Protein backbone atom coordinates (compact mmCIF):
# COMPACT_ATOMS: atom_id res chain seq x y z
CA MET A 1 183.52 18.50 111.84
CA LYS A 2 182.26 15.67 109.74
CA GLN A 3 178.70 16.86 110.40
CA VAL A 4 179.54 20.36 109.16
CA GLU A 5 181.28 19.01 106.08
CA PHE A 6 178.23 16.80 105.41
CA PHE A 7 175.88 19.78 105.79
CA LEU A 8 177.91 21.89 103.35
CA ARG A 9 178.02 19.17 100.77
CA LYS A 10 174.28 18.62 101.12
CA SER A 11 173.58 22.35 100.69
CA LEU A 12 175.79 22.55 97.62
CA LEU A 13 174.04 19.61 95.97
CA ALA A 14 170.62 21.16 96.76
CA GLY A 15 171.65 24.48 95.19
CA ILE A 16 172.94 22.79 92.05
CA PHE A 17 169.70 20.78 91.78
CA TYR A 18 167.62 23.98 92.10
CA LEU A 19 169.52 25.79 89.38
CA VAL A 20 169.22 22.84 87.02
CA SER A 21 165.48 22.64 87.67
CA VAL A 22 164.93 26.32 86.95
CA CYS A 23 166.84 26.15 83.69
CA VAL A 24 164.89 23.09 82.54
CA VAL A 25 161.51 24.66 83.27
CA ALA A 26 162.51 27.92 81.66
CA GLN A 27 163.64 26.15 78.55
CA GLU A 28 160.41 24.19 78.27
CA VAL A 29 158.06 27.14 78.84
CA ASN A 30 159.64 30.37 77.65
CA THR A 31 162.87 31.66 79.08
CA LYS A 32 162.06 35.27 78.13
CA PHE A 33 158.97 35.30 80.30
CA TYR A 34 161.05 34.55 83.41
CA ILE A 35 163.56 37.45 83.30
CA PRO A 36 161.90 39.89 85.70
CA GLU A 37 164.60 42.52 85.50
CA ILE A 38 163.80 43.14 81.76
CA GLU A 39 160.68 41.55 80.32
CA GLU A 40 158.19 41.60 83.19
CA LEU A 41 158.88 45.26 83.89
CA LYS A 42 158.80 46.26 80.20
CA GLU A 43 155.58 48.19 79.24
CA GLN A 44 153.50 46.52 76.51
CA GLU A 45 153.34 48.35 73.14
CA ARG A 46 149.80 49.48 72.30
CA ILE A 47 148.42 48.18 68.99
CA VAL A 48 145.05 49.49 67.75
CA ILE A 49 142.94 47.49 65.29
CA GLY A 50 140.00 49.24 63.63
CA ILE A 51 136.89 47.42 62.45
CA VAL A 52 134.38 48.70 59.89
CA VAL A 53 131.47 47.39 61.89
CA SER A 54 128.81 48.60 59.43
CA GLU A 55 130.21 46.17 56.87
CA ILE A 56 130.72 43.26 59.29
CA SER A 57 127.82 40.88 59.51
CA ASP A 58 126.95 38.79 62.53
CA ILE A 59 128.28 35.68 60.86
CA GLU A 60 131.83 37.12 60.81
CA SER A 61 131.94 38.47 64.38
CA GLY A 62 133.05 35.07 65.76
CA LEU A 63 136.17 35.08 63.59
CA LEU A 64 137.15 38.54 64.86
CA ASN A 65 136.71 37.54 68.52
CA ASP A 66 138.89 34.47 68.06
CA THR A 67 141.47 36.55 66.16
CA PHE A 68 141.91 39.03 69.02
CA LYS A 69 142.31 36.21 71.55
CA VAL A 70 144.94 34.43 69.48
CA LEU A 71 146.91 37.63 68.74
CA GLN A 72 147.01 38.58 72.42
CA ARG A 73 148.08 35.07 73.44
CA LYS A 74 150.81 34.59 70.85
CA LEU A 75 152.12 38.18 70.91
CA PRO A 76 152.03 39.08 74.61
CA GLN A 77 154.59 41.86 74.18
CA TYR A 78 151.81 43.90 72.56
CA LYS A 79 148.56 45.16 73.97
CA PHE A 80 145.88 44.79 71.28
CA GLU A 81 142.87 47.13 71.34
CA SER A 82 139.91 47.44 68.97
CA THR A 83 137.87 50.41 67.84
CA ILE A 84 134.88 50.95 65.58
CA LEU A 85 135.53 52.78 62.29
CA ASN A 86 133.93 53.91 59.08
CA GLU A 87 135.64 54.29 55.73
CA HIS A 88 136.50 57.93 56.38
CA ASP A 89 138.09 57.03 59.75
CA ILE A 90 140.37 54.55 57.98
CA PHE A 91 141.47 57.27 55.58
CA LEU A 92 142.26 59.59 58.47
CA SER A 93 144.14 56.83 60.28
CA ALA A 94 146.54 56.64 57.34
CA VAL A 95 147.23 60.34 57.88
CA ASN A 96 147.38 60.72 61.66
CA LYS A 97 148.65 57.18 62.45
CA SER A 98 145.94 56.64 65.04
CA ILE A 99 145.14 53.11 63.77
CA ASP A 100 147.76 50.43 63.13
CA PHE A 101 145.68 47.64 61.57
CA TYR A 102 142.13 47.46 60.32
CA VAL A 103 139.58 44.89 59.17
CA ALA A 104 137.59 46.19 56.22
CA PRO A 105 135.86 45.04 53.03
CA SER A 106 138.13 44.30 50.10
CA GLY A 107 136.82 47.40 48.37
CA THR A 108 137.91 49.67 51.22
CA PHE A 109 141.34 48.02 51.33
CA ALA A 110 141.84 48.32 47.56
CA TYR A 111 140.84 51.95 47.89
CA MET A 112 143.49 52.53 50.57
CA GLN A 113 146.14 50.44 48.81
CA ASP A 114 145.62 52.36 45.59
CA SER A 115 145.97 55.71 47.36
CA SER A 116 148.06 55.42 50.53
CA GLY A 117 150.06 52.18 50.14
CA ALA A 118 148.28 50.04 52.75
CA THR A 119 149.81 46.59 53.41
CA TYR A 120 147.80 43.42 52.79
CA LEU A 121 148.09 40.65 55.44
CA ALA A 122 145.19 38.20 55.02
CA SER A 123 141.60 37.66 53.84
CA ASN A 124 138.81 35.75 55.58
CA ARG A 125 137.29 32.59 54.10
CA ASN A 126 133.76 31.60 55.03
CA PRO A 127 132.49 28.01 55.17
CA GLY A 128 131.48 26.60 51.80
CA ILE A 129 133.90 28.90 49.90
CA THR A 130 136.22 27.07 47.53
CA ASP A 131 138.02 30.07 46.04
CA PRO A 132 138.98 32.96 48.37
CA GLN A 133 139.42 35.22 45.32
CA HIS A 134 135.67 34.85 44.70
CA ALA A 135 134.27 34.69 48.19
CA ALA A 136 131.69 37.45 48.63
CA GLY A 137 129.27 39.63 46.72
CA ALA A 138 125.78 41.09 47.14
CA LEU A 139 122.27 39.63 47.13
CA VAL A 140 119.27 41.79 46.26
CA VAL A 141 116.08 40.60 48.00
CA ALA A 142 112.41 41.50 47.71
CA ARG A 143 109.18 40.23 49.23
CA SER A 144 108.21 36.82 47.97
CA ASP A 145 104.81 38.07 46.81
CA ASP A 146 106.29 41.00 44.82
CA LYS A 147 105.96 39.91 41.20
CA ARG A 148 107.42 43.17 39.82
CA LEU A 149 111.03 42.44 40.75
CA LYS A 150 112.81 39.56 39.03
CA LYS A 151 115.94 41.08 37.45
CA LEU A 152 118.26 43.84 38.64
CA THR A 153 116.99 46.08 35.86
CA ASP A 154 113.54 45.91 37.51
CA LEU A 155 114.91 48.14 40.27
CA ARG A 156 114.52 51.26 38.14
CA ASN A 157 112.90 54.07 40.18
CA LYS A 158 112.38 51.74 43.14
CA ARG A 159 113.14 52.28 46.82
CA VAL A 160 116.14 50.20 47.88
CA ALA A 161 117.56 49.81 51.40
CA SER A 162 121.32 49.32 51.78
CA ARG A 163 124.27 50.11 54.03
CA GLY A 164 124.93 53.25 51.96
CA ARG A 165 126.41 54.32 48.64
CA GLU A 166 129.96 53.97 49.96
CA SER A 167 129.45 50.37 51.04
CA PHE A 168 131.34 47.99 48.76
CA PHE A 169 129.20 44.85 49.24
CA GLY A 170 126.14 46.87 50.17
CA MET A 171 125.95 49.02 47.03
CA GLN A 172 128.97 49.34 44.74
CA VAL A 173 129.01 45.77 43.43
CA VAL A 174 125.29 46.08 42.55
CA LEU A 175 125.94 49.33 40.69
CA ASN A 176 128.76 47.58 38.82
CA GLU A 177 126.29 44.93 37.63
CA LEU A 178 123.78 47.59 36.52
CA ARG A 179 126.55 49.36 34.61
CA ARG A 180 126.06 46.84 31.83
CA SER A 181 122.43 47.99 31.43
CA THR A 182 122.53 51.76 32.06
CA GLU A 183 124.96 54.66 31.75
CA ARG A 184 124.09 56.16 35.17
CA PRO A 185 123.59 53.24 37.58
CA ASP A 186 124.16 55.57 40.57
CA GLN A 187 120.85 57.28 39.67
CA TYR A 188 118.97 54.10 38.82
CA PHE A 189 117.01 53.76 42.08
CA ASP A 190 116.33 55.64 45.30
CA VAL A 191 118.71 54.57 48.10
CA LYS A 192 117.50 54.39 51.72
CA THR A 193 120.54 54.06 54.00
CA VAL A 194 120.30 51.91 57.17
CA HIS A 195 122.77 51.65 60.02
CA GLN A 196 121.72 48.56 62.01
CA GLY A 197 122.80 45.80 59.62
CA SER A 198 121.07 43.09 57.63
CA LEU A 199 118.12 42.57 59.99
CA GLU A 200 117.06 46.22 59.65
CA ILE A 201 117.29 45.95 55.85
CA VAL A 202 115.02 42.90 55.61
CA ASN A 203 112.54 44.37 58.11
CA LYS A 204 112.17 47.47 55.90
CA VAL A 205 111.51 45.20 52.92
CA LEU A 206 108.99 43.01 54.80
CA THR A 207 107.11 46.04 56.16
CA ASN A 208 106.86 47.57 52.67
CA LYS A 209 108.89 50.65 53.61
CA VAL A 210 111.16 49.86 50.65
CA ASP A 211 110.76 47.72 47.55
CA ALA A 212 114.03 45.82 47.86
CA GLY A 213 117.15 45.49 50.01
CA ILE A 214 120.82 44.75 49.38
CA LEU A 215 122.46 42.12 51.60
CA LYS A 216 125.92 40.63 51.56
CA THR A 217 126.09 37.09 50.29
CA CYS A 218 125.22 34.38 52.88
CA GLU A 219 123.42 36.87 55.15
CA LEU A 220 119.95 35.70 54.02
CA GLU A 221 120.85 32.07 54.67
CA TYR A 222 122.16 33.05 58.11
CA LEU A 223 118.86 34.81 58.96
CA TYR A 224 116.85 31.78 57.84
CA GLU A 225 119.09 29.35 59.74
CA HIS A 226 118.79 31.24 63.04
CA ASN A 227 115.02 31.80 62.60
CA LEU A 228 115.39 35.58 62.61
CA ILE A 229 112.87 35.91 59.74
CA ALA A 230 110.19 33.63 58.36
CA LYS A 231 111.38 30.99 55.93
CA ASP A 232 110.92 31.92 52.25
CA SER A 233 109.53 35.38 53.17
CA LEU A 234 112.03 36.92 50.78
CA LYS A 235 113.15 36.08 47.28
CA PRO A 236 116.38 36.85 45.41
CA VAL A 237 116.37 39.42 42.60
CA GLY A 238 118.71 38.94 39.65
CA LEU A 239 119.99 35.59 40.93
CA THR A 240 123.29 34.40 39.40
CA ARG A 241 124.97 31.00 39.61
CA GLN A 242 128.38 31.02 41.31
CA ARG A 243 130.52 27.86 41.57
CA SER A 244 132.82 29.04 44.33
CA ILE A 245 130.10 29.77 46.91
CA GLU A 246 127.12 27.85 48.26
CA CYS A 247 125.06 30.99 49.06
CA MET A 248 122.80 32.91 46.65
CA ALA A 249 124.25 35.98 44.89
CA SER A 250 122.99 38.73 42.55
CA THR A 251 126.44 39.97 41.55
CA SER A 252 129.91 38.80 40.69
CA LEU A 253 132.14 37.67 43.59
CA TYR A 254 135.23 39.32 45.01
CA PRO A 255 137.68 38.75 47.89
CA ASP A 256 135.99 39.05 51.27
CA PHE A 257 137.23 41.04 54.24
CA VAL A 258 140.88 41.99 54.51
CA PHE A 259 143.16 42.32 57.51
CA ALA A 260 145.48 45.18 56.52
CA ALA A 261 148.10 47.51 57.99
CA ASN A 262 148.56 51.23 57.61
CA PRO A 263 151.80 52.44 55.95
CA HIS A 264 153.46 53.54 59.21
CA VAL A 265 153.48 50.00 60.72
CA SER A 266 156.91 48.36 60.66
CA ALA A 267 157.64 45.35 58.45
CA GLN A 268 158.59 43.25 61.51
CA LEU A 269 155.22 43.84 63.20
CA ASN A 270 153.38 43.15 59.92
CA SER A 271 155.27 39.87 59.60
CA GLU A 272 154.49 38.84 63.19
CA VAL A 273 150.78 39.57 62.87
CA ALA A 274 150.48 37.92 59.43
CA GLU A 275 152.21 34.79 60.77
CA VAL A 276 149.69 34.54 63.61
CA LEU A 277 146.70 35.08 61.30
CA LEU A 278 147.70 32.52 58.70
CA SER A 279 148.60 29.95 61.38
CA MET A 280 145.17 30.13 62.97
CA SER A 281 143.03 27.05 62.59
CA GLU A 282 139.40 27.19 61.48
CA THR A 283 136.86 28.47 63.97
CA GLU A 284 133.99 26.29 65.12
CA GLN A 285 131.85 27.89 62.40
CA GLY A 286 134.44 27.15 59.74
CA TYR A 287 135.98 30.64 59.22
CA GLN A 288 139.68 31.10 58.57
CA TRP A 289 142.28 33.67 57.45
CA VAL A 290 143.77 32.86 54.04
CA ILE A 291 145.65 34.55 51.18
CA ALA A 292 143.62 36.28 48.42
CA ASN A 293 145.70 39.15 47.15
CA ASP A 294 144.35 39.77 43.61
CA PHE A 295 142.31 42.97 43.83
CA ARG A 296 142.26 44.06 40.19
CA ASP A 297 138.47 43.57 39.81
CA VAL A 298 137.87 45.35 43.12
CA ILE A 299 139.95 48.34 42.02
CA HIS A 300 137.94 48.60 38.80
CA VAL A 301 134.73 48.80 40.84
CA ILE A 302 135.88 51.44 43.32
CA ARG A 303 137.39 53.62 40.60
CA ARG A 304 133.98 53.73 38.95
CA PHE A 305 131.79 54.37 41.97
CA VAL A 306 133.77 55.97 44.79
CA SER A 307 132.66 59.61 44.75
CA THR A 308 135.95 61.14 45.96
CA PRO A 309 138.82 58.86 44.98
CA LEU A 310 142.06 59.24 46.84
CA THR A 311 145.37 59.83 45.14
CA PRO A 312 148.91 59.75 46.46
CA GLU A 313 148.95 63.52 46.09
CA SER A 314 145.84 63.90 48.24
CA ILE A 315 147.29 61.62 50.88
CA ARG A 316 150.50 63.64 50.97
CA ASN A 317 148.44 66.81 51.23
CA GLN A 318 146.47 65.39 54.13
CA LEU A 319 149.70 64.28 55.82
CA ALA A 320 151.12 67.78 55.40
CA ILE A 321 147.97 69.27 56.88
CA TRP A 322 148.15 66.90 59.83
CA ARG A 323 151.82 67.59 60.52
CA TYR A 324 151.33 71.33 60.34
CA ARG A 325 147.83 71.34 61.80
CA TYR A 326 148.73 73.74 64.60
CA ALA A 327 150.08 76.21 62.09
CA VAL A 328 146.92 75.71 60.08
CA TYR A 329 144.82 76.33 63.21
CA LEU A 330 146.79 79.51 63.89
CA GLY A 331 146.34 80.62 60.29
CA VAL A 332 142.60 79.96 60.50
CA ILE A 333 142.39 81.93 63.75
CA LEU A 334 144.31 84.82 62.20
CA LEU A 335 142.10 84.65 59.11
CA LEU A 336 138.95 84.69 61.23
CA GLY A 337 140.38 87.57 63.24
CA SER A 338 141.11 89.47 60.04
CA VAL A 339 137.61 88.78 58.76
CA LEU A 340 136.06 89.92 62.04
CA PHE A 341 138.25 93.02 62.13
CA GLY A 342 137.36 93.81 58.52
CA PHE A 343 133.70 93.26 59.34
CA ALA A 344 133.95 95.61 62.35
CA VAL A 345 135.73 98.25 60.26
CA SER A 346 133.14 97.86 57.53
CA LYS A 347 130.28 98.28 60.01
CA MET A 348 131.99 101.36 61.48
CA VAL A 349 132.50 102.86 58.01
CA GLN A 350 128.89 102.11 57.13
CA SER A 351 127.74 103.74 60.38
CA ARG A 352 129.87 106.84 59.77
CA THR A 353 128.72 107.00 56.15
CA ARG A 354 125.10 106.69 57.25
CA ASP A 355 125.59 109.46 59.83
CA LEU A 356 127.22 111.68 57.19
CA GLU A 357 124.38 111.02 54.75
CA GLU A 358 121.83 111.83 57.44
CA THR A 359 123.72 115.05 58.25
CA LEU A 360 123.82 116.04 54.58
CA GLU A 361 120.14 115.25 54.20
CA GLN A 362 119.35 117.29 57.30
CA ASN A 363 121.39 120.19 55.91
CA LYS A 364 119.44 119.96 52.64
CA LYS A 365 116.18 120.07 54.59
CA LEU A 366 117.40 123.06 56.58
CA GLU A 367 118.48 124.86 53.40
CA HIS A 368 115.10 124.09 51.81
CA ALA A 369 113.29 125.34 54.92
CA ALA A 370 115.42 128.50 54.92
CA LYS A 371 114.58 129.06 51.25
CA LYS A 372 110.88 128.62 52.04
CA ASP A 373 111.20 131.07 54.92
CA ARG A 374 112.90 133.63 52.65
CA GLU A 375 110.16 133.22 50.05
CA ARG A 376 107.51 133.54 52.72
CA LEU A 377 109.17 136.67 54.03
CA ILE A 378 109.12 138.14 50.55
CA GLN A 379 105.44 137.24 50.22
CA LEU A 380 104.67 138.78 53.57
CA GLU A 381 106.46 141.93 52.51
CA LYS A 382 104.32 141.99 49.37
CA ALA A 383 101.22 141.35 51.47
CA GLY A 384 102.19 144.36 53.60
CA ILE A 385 102.47 146.43 50.44
CA VAL A 386 99.02 145.24 49.41
CA SER A 387 97.60 146.17 52.78
CA GLU A 388 99.22 149.57 52.64
CA LEU A 389 98.04 150.18 49.07
CA SER A 390 94.56 149.05 50.06
CA SER A 391 94.49 151.57 52.85
CA ILE A 392 95.75 154.33 50.54
CA ILE A 393 93.26 153.47 47.79
CA ALA A 394 90.37 153.37 50.25
CA HIS A 395 91.32 156.66 51.77
CA GLU A 396 91.83 158.44 48.46
CA ALA A 397 88.77 157.02 46.72
CA ARG A 398 86.32 157.53 49.53
CA GLN A 399 85.79 161.29 49.10
CA PRO A 400 85.42 161.30 45.28
CA VAL A 401 82.93 158.46 45.50
CA THR A 402 80.98 160.27 48.19
CA SER A 403 80.89 163.39 46.01
CA LEU A 404 79.72 161.31 43.03
CA ILE A 405 76.86 159.91 45.11
CA ASN A 406 75.85 163.38 46.30
CA TYR A 407 75.94 164.78 42.77
CA SER A 408 73.87 161.88 41.43
CA ASP A 409 71.31 162.37 44.21
CA GLY A 410 71.14 166.12 43.46
CA LEU A 411 70.78 165.41 39.76
CA SER A 412 67.94 163.04 40.50
CA LEU A 413 66.10 165.72 42.47
CA TYR A 414 66.69 168.22 39.71
CA LEU A 415 65.30 165.88 37.04
CA LYS A 416 62.43 164.64 39.15
CA ASN A 417 59.81 166.78 37.32
CA LYS A 418 61.37 166.66 33.84
CA ASN A 419 59.57 163.49 32.85
CA ASP A 420 62.57 162.05 30.96
CA PRO A 421 62.63 158.33 31.80
CA VAL A 422 65.97 157.63 30.08
CA ILE A 423 67.82 160.31 31.98
CA GLU A 424 66.10 159.32 35.21
CA GLU A 425 67.15 155.65 34.71
CA ALA A 426 70.70 156.64 33.91
CA THR A 427 70.84 158.82 36.96
CA ARG A 428 69.56 156.00 39.15
CA GLU A 429 72.14 153.60 37.63
CA ILE A 430 74.92 156.10 38.28
CA SER A 431 73.73 156.35 41.84
CA ARG A 432 73.68 152.54 42.26
CA GLN A 433 77.16 152.10 40.79
CA ALA A 434 78.50 154.93 42.89
CA GLN A 435 77.05 153.25 45.96
CA ARG A 436 78.65 150.00 44.84
CA ILE A 437 82.01 151.72 44.55
CA SER A 438 81.50 153.10 48.02
CA ASP A 439 80.84 149.59 49.35
CA ILE A 440 83.96 148.28 47.60
CA VAL A 441 86.04 151.01 49.14
CA GLU A 442 84.69 150.09 52.57
CA ARG A 443 85.53 146.45 51.98
CA VAL A 444 89.04 147.34 50.88
CA ARG A 445 89.42 149.35 54.04
CA SER A 446 88.13 146.39 56.00
CA TYR A 447 90.64 144.09 54.27
CA ALA A 448 93.46 146.54 54.98
CA LYS A 449 92.43 146.70 58.67
CA ARG A 450 91.84 142.87 58.85
CA LYS A 451 88.22 143.24 59.97
CA ASP A 452 86.06 140.15 60.32
CA SER A 453 83.44 139.64 57.68
CA VAL A 454 79.75 138.98 58.41
CA HIS A 455 78.48 135.57 57.21
CA VAL A 456 74.83 135.01 56.35
CA ASN A 457 72.88 132.44 54.35
CA THR A 458 73.34 133.42 50.71
CA ASP A 459 72.32 131.89 47.39
CA LEU A 460 75.47 131.44 45.28
CA VAL A 461 73.32 131.22 42.15
CA VAL A 462 72.05 134.77 42.69
CA LEU A 463 75.60 136.07 43.19
CA VAL A 464 76.87 134.39 39.98
CA LYS A 465 73.98 135.73 37.91
CA LYS A 466 74.55 139.23 39.32
CA VAL A 467 78.24 139.10 38.43
CA MET A 468 77.49 137.75 34.95
CA ARG A 469 75.23 140.71 34.23
CA THR A 470 77.97 143.13 35.29
CA VAL A 471 80.77 141.32 33.38
CA ARG A 472 78.81 140.96 30.14
CA ALA A 473 78.39 144.74 30.07
CA THR A 474 82.17 145.20 29.76
CA GLU A 475 84.36 145.08 26.65
CA GLU A 476 86.40 142.17 28.05
CA THR A 477 83.74 139.66 26.95
CA ALA A 478 84.00 140.60 23.30
CA GLY A 479 84.65 137.45 21.25
CA VAL A 480 84.49 135.23 24.35
CA VAL A 481 81.91 132.51 25.00
CA LEU A 482 80.85 133.26 28.58
CA ALA A 483 78.82 130.35 29.88
CA THR A 484 77.29 129.32 33.20
CA ARG A 485 76.36 126.00 34.73
CA LEU A 486 74.07 126.60 37.69
CA PRO A 487 71.65 124.62 39.84
CA GLU A 488 68.31 126.04 40.85
CA GLN A 489 69.60 127.09 44.24
CA ALA A 490 72.85 126.81 46.27
CA ILE A 491 72.49 128.15 49.81
CA VAL A 492 75.80 128.70 51.65
CA CYS A 493 76.89 130.61 54.73
CA CYS A 494 79.18 133.43 53.58
CA ASP A 495 79.75 137.11 53.24
CA PRO A 496 77.88 137.81 50.01
CA PHE A 497 79.83 140.92 49.12
CA GLU A 498 83.21 139.22 49.60
CA ILE A 499 82.18 136.13 47.58
CA GLU A 500 80.84 138.40 44.84
CA LEU A 501 84.24 140.10 44.80
CA VAL A 502 85.92 136.68 44.45
CA ILE A 503 83.65 135.72 41.53
CA VAL A 504 84.36 139.01 39.79
CA ASN A 505 88.15 138.68 40.17
CA LEU A 506 88.27 135.03 39.09
CA THR A 507 86.05 135.72 36.06
CA ARG A 508 88.09 138.73 34.97
CA ASN A 509 91.33 136.75 35.37
CA ALA A 510 89.86 134.01 33.13
CA LEU A 511 88.78 136.58 30.52
CA GLN A 512 92.30 138.09 30.51
CA ALA A 513 93.82 134.58 30.14
CA VAL A 514 91.78 133.73 27.00
CA ALA A 515 92.29 137.19 25.40
CA SER A 516 95.50 136.01 23.67
CA LEU A 517 93.81 133.07 21.87
CA LYS A 518 93.77 133.41 18.07
CA ASP A 519 93.20 130.01 16.44
CA GLU A 520 90.33 128.81 18.58
CA VAL A 521 87.20 130.14 20.30
CA ALA A 522 87.85 131.67 23.72
CA TYR A 523 85.79 129.97 26.39
CA VAL A 524 85.06 130.88 30.03
CA GLU A 525 82.61 128.99 32.21
CA VAL A 526 81.38 129.85 35.71
CA GLY A 527 79.48 127.12 37.48
CA ILE A 528 78.27 125.60 40.74
CA ARG A 529 78.05 121.88 41.51
CA SER A 530 77.41 119.71 44.56
CA CYS A 531 80.04 117.31 45.91
CA GLU A 532 80.92 115.20 48.97
CA GLU A 533 77.50 113.51 48.90
CA GLU A 534 75.75 116.88 48.62
CA THR A 535 77.34 118.21 51.84
CA LYS A 536 79.24 120.91 49.95
CA TRP A 537 78.84 123.30 47.04
CA GLU A 538 81.76 123.91 44.73
CA LEU A 539 82.13 127.19 42.85
CA PHE A 540 84.39 126.92 39.81
CA VAL A 541 85.67 129.17 37.04
CA ARG A 542 87.10 127.40 34.00
CA ASP A 543 88.87 128.72 30.89
CA ASN A 544 90.72 127.38 27.85
CA GLY A 545 93.61 129.81 28.05
CA PRO A 546 97.29 128.96 27.59
CA SER A 547 98.77 126.07 29.55
CA ILE A 548 100.52 126.89 32.80
CA GLU A 549 103.79 125.22 33.74
CA PRO A 550 103.72 122.88 36.80
CA GLU A 551 106.03 125.14 38.80
CA LYS A 552 103.85 128.18 38.14
CA MET A 553 100.80 126.09 38.99
CA LYS A 554 102.28 125.52 42.48
CA GLN A 555 102.93 129.25 42.87
CA LEU A 556 99.33 130.24 42.11
CA SER A 557 98.22 129.43 45.64
CA ARG A 558 100.89 131.69 47.10
CA PRO A 559 99.86 135.16 48.33
CA VAL A 560 100.47 138.19 46.14
CA TYR A 561 101.28 136.12 43.05
CA SER A 562 100.15 137.03 39.53
CA GLU A 563 100.75 135.72 36.05
CA LYS A 564 100.91 139.33 34.89
CA ILE A 565 104.53 140.48 35.00
CA GLU A 566 103.71 144.07 35.89
CA GLY A 567 101.20 143.28 38.64
CA LEU A 568 101.48 142.42 42.30
CA GLY A 569 98.58 140.05 42.14
CA LEU A 570 96.27 142.14 44.25
CA GLY A 571 93.06 140.53 42.98
CA LEU A 572 94.20 136.99 43.51
CA SER A 573 95.67 137.88 46.89
CA ILE A 574 92.37 139.38 48.03
CA CYS A 575 90.53 136.26 46.81
CA ARG A 576 92.87 134.01 48.77
CA VAL A 577 92.35 136.08 51.97
CA ILE A 578 88.59 135.98 51.52
CA ALA A 579 88.74 132.18 51.02
CA GLU A 580 90.72 131.80 54.26
CA ARG A 581 88.09 133.89 56.07
CA HIS A 582 85.54 131.30 54.89
CA THR A 583 87.68 128.38 56.20
CA THR A 584 88.43 127.18 52.69
CA ARG A 585 91.06 127.79 50.06
CA LEU A 586 91.47 128.34 46.36
CA GLN A 587 92.29 125.22 44.35
CA PHE A 588 94.00 125.38 40.96
CA GLU A 589 93.96 122.56 38.39
CA ALA A 590 95.08 122.31 34.79
CA PHE A 591 92.27 121.98 32.27
CA ASN A 592 92.70 119.48 29.41
CA PRO A 593 94.03 120.12 26.82
CA HIS A 594 94.99 123.55 28.11
CA GLY A 595 93.59 126.16 30.42
CA LEU A 596 92.89 126.49 34.11
CA ILE A 597 90.17 125.58 36.63
CA VAL A 598 89.88 127.53 39.88
CA LYS A 599 87.65 125.99 42.58
CA LEU A 600 86.26 127.17 45.88
CA SER A 601 84.08 124.99 48.14
CA PHE A 602 81.41 125.93 50.73
CA ASP A 603 79.32 123.98 53.23
CA ASN A 604 75.77 123.27 52.05
CA CYS A 605 73.49 124.98 54.55
CA ASN A 606 70.51 122.81 53.45
CA SER A 607 72.39 119.51 54.09
CA LYS A 608 72.12 117.70 57.41
CA LYS A 609 75.28 115.70 56.73
CA THR A 610 78.44 116.60 58.61
CA ASN A 611 81.17 115.62 56.18
CA GLU A 612 83.92 118.22 56.66
CA SER A 613 86.40 117.08 53.96
CA SER A 614 87.07 119.34 51.00
CA CYS A 615 85.86 118.67 47.48
């Protein structure tokens, strides 16, 4: 019994000792950490910190690494993550709340504070900096042997490498210095943007790809110290003396990098993070988070040189767009659908319109062809009349002409012994003309019956002279200058009688055309000329009669057409048929200043050339 009682007492004392020990250890370490039912099972809240890496030099990366370690150690209830940003990403993070905190140049922070209400927490202080309000600026460097560049104003029209126009320490502070010397500093020199940091900038300068480069203050000293470039290979341009910094600078100084929070972050979290930052001791390199919250000079710079300044209104608009982005997406889709539908309807209307226009055009062509067919039918009907009249004339004139020939022959026999030369010559001439009439009648009959003509080598010159003798004997030539223009010889293959008939008809038509002239001399010319490199002969009849309208000029080549109102155009129609029998055609041209030229071409039988084109 005593043994049991002793065992119970011993167990009770051991339990009490264990509980006391646990409480003491928990008090000394952290009692919250040892409540498994609540804290160990609670999921850590995710905190995202963005870094503008293009503006962060190598000399500041150590401070950021230490900062993340300290934040994670002292605020274990949060899970801190980092991401790389640019200035535009920071702006979007204020809208979509994707980033909680960010580390950015003072210019970027002032930009966001002025527009979206970002919260300032701390600024970094580099070694050798006595005043965190004047901790960083820009240094313009050039090759040491470049004697052209001494002052910032020497950069006019030069090639300058930098981190870009939107970079605060990489461009804007330099433009602010040049503002005192020029009205448009943003157009003062040619900017070559780099993306790999300070080492890429100095390499472009040393290799003569640019004339100068823009570094952040203390970056050149860092490169020299770590033997990344040759000592004294570069020189400062526009060097200024600054009391608050040991490094060289070409511009005024401003607060350095800022650790800031977006507007959506709670005040409690901002307070916790700021407390950790400001309680951090200096890093091994001498960097530390401090307070430097006067950004008036920075705001003046960004308001001058930021191309698209933000305003509270623009931020609210962006927030509204983000909140209602799905509605915006739907609206865009509907708009695109409407545009595509309108485009499809427009293409369909255009296609239908084009088809309708083609149909109308085809109908016009059909109507024009039908009109041509009707006109051709009328001309064929007239040609039938001509053929019928030709047959009638030939039939009726044949017997009287035969009788006239017989009587002239009988008269010649009767006067054979009368020894009267005048009467004998007249009788012979009557006989010749009667025979000519007989030949004409036969040719008319041949034309009416569509008989083929007989082609032989004929001298056109002889035919023209023969016709001229006949025409000059008529009264039609009275008061008319009848001229000829003839070569010595023009041998062609033709039916001489038919071509003579053509010459007669064309000449008589010309004489009738000039008969109405009163104020000037009537003129008719019949000529022959070579063309087509002497492979063809061209017969032409030219007059200075009244001008012919263009529409009537087109109609002249039509069968059975005549300028005489009363006539059927028999002579011209016969000429056209004869021309077609000789594989050619009549050509009509206006004669300047007025009148008409009718041309007819023939192959030159004496030419060995084979050119078949018409004159």
